[in-house]
Amino acid sequence: MSKKLLTLCALCMFAVSALFAGCGQSGSDKAASSDEKVLRVGTNADFAPFEFQDENGSTEYQGFDMDLIRAVAKEMGYTAEIQNVNFDGLIPAMESGNIDIIASGMTINDERKGQVEFSDPYYTSGLTIVVPKDNNDIKGFADLKGKKIAVQIGTTSMEEAQKIEGADVKALNSSADTFMELKAGNVDAVINDLPVNDYYIAKTKDTDVKRLDDKLTSEEYGFAMKKGNTELKEKVDAALKTLKENGEYDKIYEKWFGTKPAK
């Protein structure tokens, strides 16, 4: 009886070992078959024409940044997986390991350089003002003293607006919200990046507002990566260089801004 029991135990142990060995092999095969390189991209999809969702309810993120980061990822041999995050939560999301890279019209500045690794610049912008068409009092940034100004939270627009003497700065979640405040008469002016203001006016064909010629600052946008991740930075920079050399960057630029980039 004891021999039978020992034999039965041995068989059971063999079966269990085989089962676990089979499971281990299966897991390994699964990893190999789904070995797709994914670049986890964080964006704030309220910054047309750089990143946004269309009005038809499509869940696909669109815009200049979105097309460019997908092209960069493809050039690197990756697939871009895009997540929508509030702008002021993008860097914390990357620091916590939830995303690998930020593609969100992020201006390269000294403060952010202390927090992240930036790619080579991929776009040059500047801050401009939009006011109601019948407003002739505000002709430039010098005329914004003591005015009510709408900006997007966490942006350089907010930083610069807060420097204006006596200004009442209203920080909102998206650039679209800033225009809504202006249209509602709740603010005197909006400060946004040049392409954002131009895209809004062109897309909406809004004849009740105007963009002023005065431009504050010259800003360069870059993709942001976790501080110290020089390996990813080098890959992204190399991909950007290739896209500019093979003409793909120009195609994406012209698609969203209606003209080829300045050389």
Protein backbone atom coordinates (compact mmCIF):
# COMPACT_ATOMS: atom_id res chain seq x y z
CA MET A 1 0.00 0.00 0.00
CA SER A 2 2.83 2.37 0.93
CA LYS A 3 4.52 1.55 -2.41
CA LYS A 4 1.32 2.37 -4.25
CA LEU A 5 1.04 5.62 -2.31
CA LEU A 6 4.64 6.55 -3.12
CA THR A 7 4.10 5.73 -6.77
CA LEU A 8 0.92 7.84 -6.85
CA CYS A 9 2.72 10.77 -5.20
CA ALA A 10 5.56 10.52 -7.70
CA LEU A 11 3.12 10.55 -10.60
CA CYS A 12 1.32 13.57 -9.13
CA MET A 13 4.60 15.43 -8.67
CA PHE A 14 5.57 14.63 -12.28
CA ALA A 15 2.21 15.87 -13.55
CA VAL A 16 2.45 19.10 -11.55
CA SER A 17 6.03 19.68 -12.76
CA ALA A 18 4.96 19.12 -16.35
CA LEU A 19 2.03 21.47 -15.91
CA PHE A 20 4.21 24.28 -14.56
CA ALA A 21 6.82 23.68 -17.23
CA GLY A 22 4.12 23.89 -19.87
CA CYS A 23 2.76 27.11 -18.38
CA GLY A 24 6.24 28.64 -18.30
CA GLN A 25 6.84 27.75 -21.93
CA SER A 26 3.44 29.12 -22.93
CA GLY A 27 4.14 32.46 -21.20
CA SER A 28 7.50 32.73 -22.95
CA ASP A 29 5.92 32.08 -26.34
CA LYS A 30 3.25 34.68 -25.66
CA ALA A 31 5.86 37.30 -24.79
CA ALA A 32 7.79 36.50 -27.96
CA SER A 33 4.73 36.67 -30.19
CA SER A 34 3.56 39.99 -28.71
CA ASP A 35 7.02 41.53 -28.54
CA GLU A 36 5.83 44.86 -29.93
CA LYS A 37 7.81 47.93 -28.95
CA VAL A 38 5.45 50.56 -27.58
CA LEU A 39 6.28 54.21 -26.98
CA ARG A 40 3.87 55.51 -24.33
CA VAL A 41 3.10 59.10 -25.26
CA GLY A 42 1.47 61.64 -22.97
CA THR A 43 -0.37 64.63 -24.41
CA ASN A 44 -2.98 67.20 -23.45
CA ALA A 45 -5.41 66.90 -26.36
CA ASP A 46 -6.82 70.43 -26.08
CA PHE A 47 -4.18 72.29 -28.06
CA ALA A 48 -5.21 72.42 -31.71
CA PRO A 49 -3.64 72.22 -34.21
CA PHE A 50 -0.97 70.29 -32.26
CA GLU A 51 -3.12 67.77 -30.38
CA PHE A 52 -6.88 67.44 -30.21
CA GLN A 53 -9.87 65.18 -30.82
CA ASP A 54 -12.19 66.10 -33.65
CA GLU A 55 -15.76 67.26 -33.09
CA ASN A 56 -17.20 64.08 -34.62
CA GLY A 57 -16.40 62.12 -31.49
CA SER A 58 -13.45 60.19 -32.90
CA THR A 59 -11.26 58.76 -30.17
CA GLU A 60 -8.14 59.09 -32.34
CA TYR A 61 -5.89 61.97 -31.35
CA GLN A 62 -5.10 64.33 -34.20
CA GLY A 63 -2.78 67.24 -34.87
CA PHE A 64 0.76 68.17 -35.83
CA ASP A 65 2.34 66.70 -32.68
CA MET A 66 0.33 63.52 -32.98
CA ASP A 67 1.31 62.88 -36.60
CA LEU A 68 4.92 63.76 -35.87
CA ILE A 69 5.32 61.59 -32.76
CA ARG A 70 3.72 58.65 -34.59
CA ALA A 71 6.22 59.16 -37.43
CA VAL A 72 9.09 59.40 -34.92
CA ALA A 73 7.97 56.22 -33.16
CA LYS A 74 7.66 54.38 -36.48
CA GLU A 75 11.14 55.51 -37.52
CA MET A 76 12.45 54.12 -34.21
CA GLY A 77 10.64 50.81 -34.76
CA TYR A 78 7.99 51.53 -32.13
CA THR A 79 4.23 52.00 -32.06
CA ALA A 80 2.97 55.17 -30.38
CA GLU A 81 0.39 54.59 -27.65
CA ILE A 82 -1.13 57.96 -26.79
CA GLN A 83 -2.69 58.94 -23.46
CA ASN A 84 -4.60 62.17 -22.73
CA VAL A 85 -3.39 63.88 -19.54
CA ASN A 86 -3.99 67.38 -18.13
CA PHE A 87 -1.06 69.57 -19.15
CA ASP A 88 0.12 70.23 -15.60
CA GLY A 89 0.05 66.47 -14.91
CA LEU A 90 2.25 65.41 -17.83
CA ILE A 91 5.65 65.70 -16.16
CA PRO A 92 4.45 63.98 -12.94
CA ALA A 93 2.95 61.18 -15.07
CA MET A 94 6.32 60.67 -16.73
CA GLU A 95 8.24 60.84 -13.48
CA SER A 96 5.98 58.15 -12.03
CA GLY A 97 6.65 55.89 -15.02
CA ASN A 98 3.17 56.00 -16.58
CA ILE A 99 4.42 57.49 -19.86
CA ASP A 100 7.75 57.51 -21.71
CA ILE A 101 7.58 60.80 -23.59
CA ILE A 102 5.55 64.02 -23.73
CA ALA A 103 4.31 65.34 -27.08
CA SER A 104 2.19 68.32 -26.17
CA GLY A 105 3.47 71.57 -27.65
CA MET A 106 5.83 71.90 -24.69
CA THR A 107 8.09 74.93 -24.73
CA ILE A 108 11.75 74.32 -23.99
CA ASN A 109 12.79 76.56 -21.10
CA ASP A 110 15.38 76.53 -18.33
CA GLU A 111 12.94 75.51 -15.61
CA ARG A 112 11.72 72.48 -17.54
CA LYS A 113 15.27 71.57 -18.57
CA GLY A 114 15.90 70.97 -14.90
CA GLN A 115 13.04 68.45 -14.82
CA VAL A 116 13.19 66.63 -18.17
CA GLU A 117 15.36 65.72 -21.14
CA PHE A 118 14.24 67.62 -24.24
CA SER A 119 14.59 66.45 -27.82
CA ASP A 120 16.02 68.77 -30.43
CA PRO A 121 13.46 71.54 -31.16
CA TYR A 122 10.85 70.58 -33.76
CA TYR A 123 8.81 73.82 -33.92
CA THR A 124 9.38 77.54 -33.28
CA SER A 125 6.49 79.61 -31.95
CA GLY A 126 5.73 82.74 -29.93
CA LEU A 127 2.90 84.16 -27.84
CA THR A 128 0.23 86.29 -29.50
CA ILE A 129 -2.99 88.01 -28.44
CA VAL A 130 -6.57 87.59 -29.64
CA VAL A 131 -9.13 90.31 -28.86
CA PRO A 132 -12.66 91.13 -30.01
CA LYS A 133 -12.59 92.67 -33.50
CA ASP A 134 -14.06 95.98 -32.29
CA ASN A 135 -11.45 96.38 -29.54
CA ASN A 136 -9.04 99.10 -30.64
CA ASP A 137 -7.59 99.81 -27.19
CA ILE A 138 -5.38 96.73 -27.09
CA LYS A 139 -2.74 96.88 -29.81
CA GLY A 140 -0.05 94.80 -28.14
CA PHE A 141 1.28 93.34 -24.90
CA ALA A 142 1.99 96.80 -23.47
CA ASP A 143 -1.75 97.51 -23.52
CA LEU A 144 -2.71 94.51 -21.36
CA LYS A 145 -1.97 96.24 -18.05
CA GLY A 146 -4.98 95.92 -15.76
CA LYS A 147 -6.91 93.82 -18.31
CA LYS A 148 -8.71 90.50 -17.88
CA ILE A 149 -6.77 87.81 -19.70
CA ALA A 150 -7.62 84.14 -20.38
CA VAL A 151 -4.80 81.58 -20.66
CA GLN A 152 -4.36 77.82 -20.53
CA ILE A 153 -3.17 76.55 -17.16
CA GLY A 154 0.43 75.36 -16.87
CA THR A 155 1.61 77.05 -20.07
CA THR A 156 4.12 79.80 -20.81
CA SER A 157 1.09 81.93 -21.73
CA MET A 158 0.06 81.79 -18.07
CA GLU A 159 3.59 82.55 -16.88
CA GLU A 160 3.91 85.63 -19.10
CA ALA A 161 0.39 86.88 -18.38
CA GLN A 162 1.08 86.77 -14.65
CA LYS A 163 3.99 89.18 -15.18
CA ILE A 164 1.70 91.86 -16.64
CA GLU A 165 1.08 94.66 -14.18
CA GLY A 166 -2.42 94.63 -12.69
CA ALA A 167 -3.66 91.90 -15.03
CA ASP A 168 -6.53 89.67 -13.89
CA VAL A 169 -5.39 86.29 -15.23
CA LYS A 170 -7.93 83.51 -15.64
CA ALA A 171 -6.21 80.11 -16.06
CA LEU A 172 -8.39 77.52 -17.81
CA ASN A 173 -8.01 73.85 -18.67
CA SER A 174 -7.78 74.21 -22.45
CA SER A 175 -7.11 76.74 -25.18
CA ALA A 176 -10.69 76.18 -26.39
CA ASP A 177 -11.93 77.39 -23.00
CA THR A 178 -9.94 80.62 -23.36
CA PHE A 179 -11.74 81.46 -26.61
CA MET A 180 -15.11 80.66 -25.04
CA GLU A 181 -14.36 83.14 -22.25
CA LEU A 182 -13.46 85.78 -24.81
CA LYS A 183 -16.62 85.17 -26.85
CA ALA A 184 -18.72 85.34 -23.68
CA GLY A 185 -17.24 88.74 -22.86
CA ASN A 186 -15.72 87.52 -19.60
CA VAL A 187 -12.18 88.58 -20.54
CA ASP A 188 -10.62 91.35 -22.63
CA ALA A 189 -8.02 89.20 -24.35
CA VAL A 190 -6.60 85.73 -24.84
CA ILE A 191 -2.91 84.86 -24.89
CA ASN A 192 -1.96 81.65 -26.68
CA ASP A 193 0.78 80.37 -28.93
CA LEU A 194 0.73 81.83 -32.44
CA PRO A 195 -0.38 78.64 -34.27
CA VAL A 196 -3.15 77.99 -31.74
CA ASN A 197 -4.66 81.44 -32.25
CA ASP A 198 -4.31 81.28 -36.04
CA TYR A 199 -5.75 77.78 -36.25
CA TYR A 200 -8.76 78.75 -34.14
CA ILE A 201 -9.62 81.75 -36.32
CA ALA A 202 -9.05 79.82 -39.57
CA LYS A 203 -11.03 76.77 -38.46
CA THR A 204 -13.99 78.61 -36.95
CA LYS A 205 -13.94 81.42 -39.52
CA ASP A 206 -14.71 83.66 -36.56
CA THR A 207 -15.00 87.24 -37.83
CA ASP A 208 -15.78 88.68 -34.39
CA VAL A 209 -12.20 88.35 -33.16
CA LYS A 210 -8.75 89.29 -34.44
CA ARG A 211 -5.20 88.19 -33.77
CA LEU A 212 -2.77 91.03 -33.10
CA ASP A 213 0.60 91.19 -34.87
CA ASP A 214 2.58 91.83 -31.69
CA LYS A 215 4.48 88.69 -30.70
CA LEU A 216 6.01 88.07 -27.29
CA THR A 217 8.97 85.69 -27.02
CA SER A 218 10.36 83.22 -29.52
CA GLU A 219 9.67 79.73 -28.24
CA GLU A 220 10.87 76.34 -29.35
CA TYR A 221 8.84 73.18 -28.79
CA GLY A 222 10.46 69.86 -27.94
CA PHE A 223 9.45 66.34 -26.97
CA ALA A 224 10.15 65.75 -23.27
CA MET A 225 11.56 62.59 -21.74
CA LYS A 226 12.45 61.56 -18.19
CA LYS A 227 15.52 63.31 -16.82
CA GLY A 228 18.58 61.17 -17.47
CA ASN A 229 16.99 59.09 -20.24
CA THR A 230 19.64 60.08 -22.79
CA GLU A 231 19.22 56.81 -24.69
CA LEU A 232 15.63 57.64 -25.66
CA LYS A 233 16.58 61.25 -26.39
CA GLU A 234 19.27 60.13 -28.84
CA LYS A 235 16.81 57.80 -30.61
CA VAL A 236 14.16 60.53 -30.87
CA ASP A 237 16.67 63.10 -32.15
CA ALA A 238 17.95 60.66 -34.77
CA ALA A 239 14.38 59.92 -35.92
CA LEU A 240 13.57 63.65 -36.16
CA LYS A 241 16.71 64.23 -38.22
CA THR A 242 15.77 61.44 -40.62
CA LEU A 243 12.19 62.74 -41.02
CA LYS A 244 13.48 66.21 -41.87
CA GLU A 245 15.97 64.82 -44.37
CA ASN A 246 13.51 62.52 -46.16
CA GLY A 247 10.76 65.17 -46.46
CA GLU A 248 8.24 63.49 -44.15
CA TYR A 249 8.48 66.33 -41.61
CA ASP A 250 7.66 68.90 -44.32
CA LYS A 251 4.59 66.93 -45.38
CA ILE A 252 3.25 66.81 -41.83
CA TYR A 253 3.99 70.52 -41.29
CA GLU A 254 2.24 71.59 -44.49
CA LYS A 255 -0.78 69.42 -43.66
CA TRP A 256 -1.45 71.35 -40.45
CA PHE A 257 -0.15 74.86 -41.15
CA GLY A 258 -0.82 75.23 -44.87
CA THR A 259 2.76 76.12 -45.70
CA LYS A 260 6.20 74.55 -45.64
CA PRO A 261 8.43 75.25 -42.63
CA ALA A 262 10.86 78.13 -42.82
CA LYS A 263 14.39 76.94 -43.58
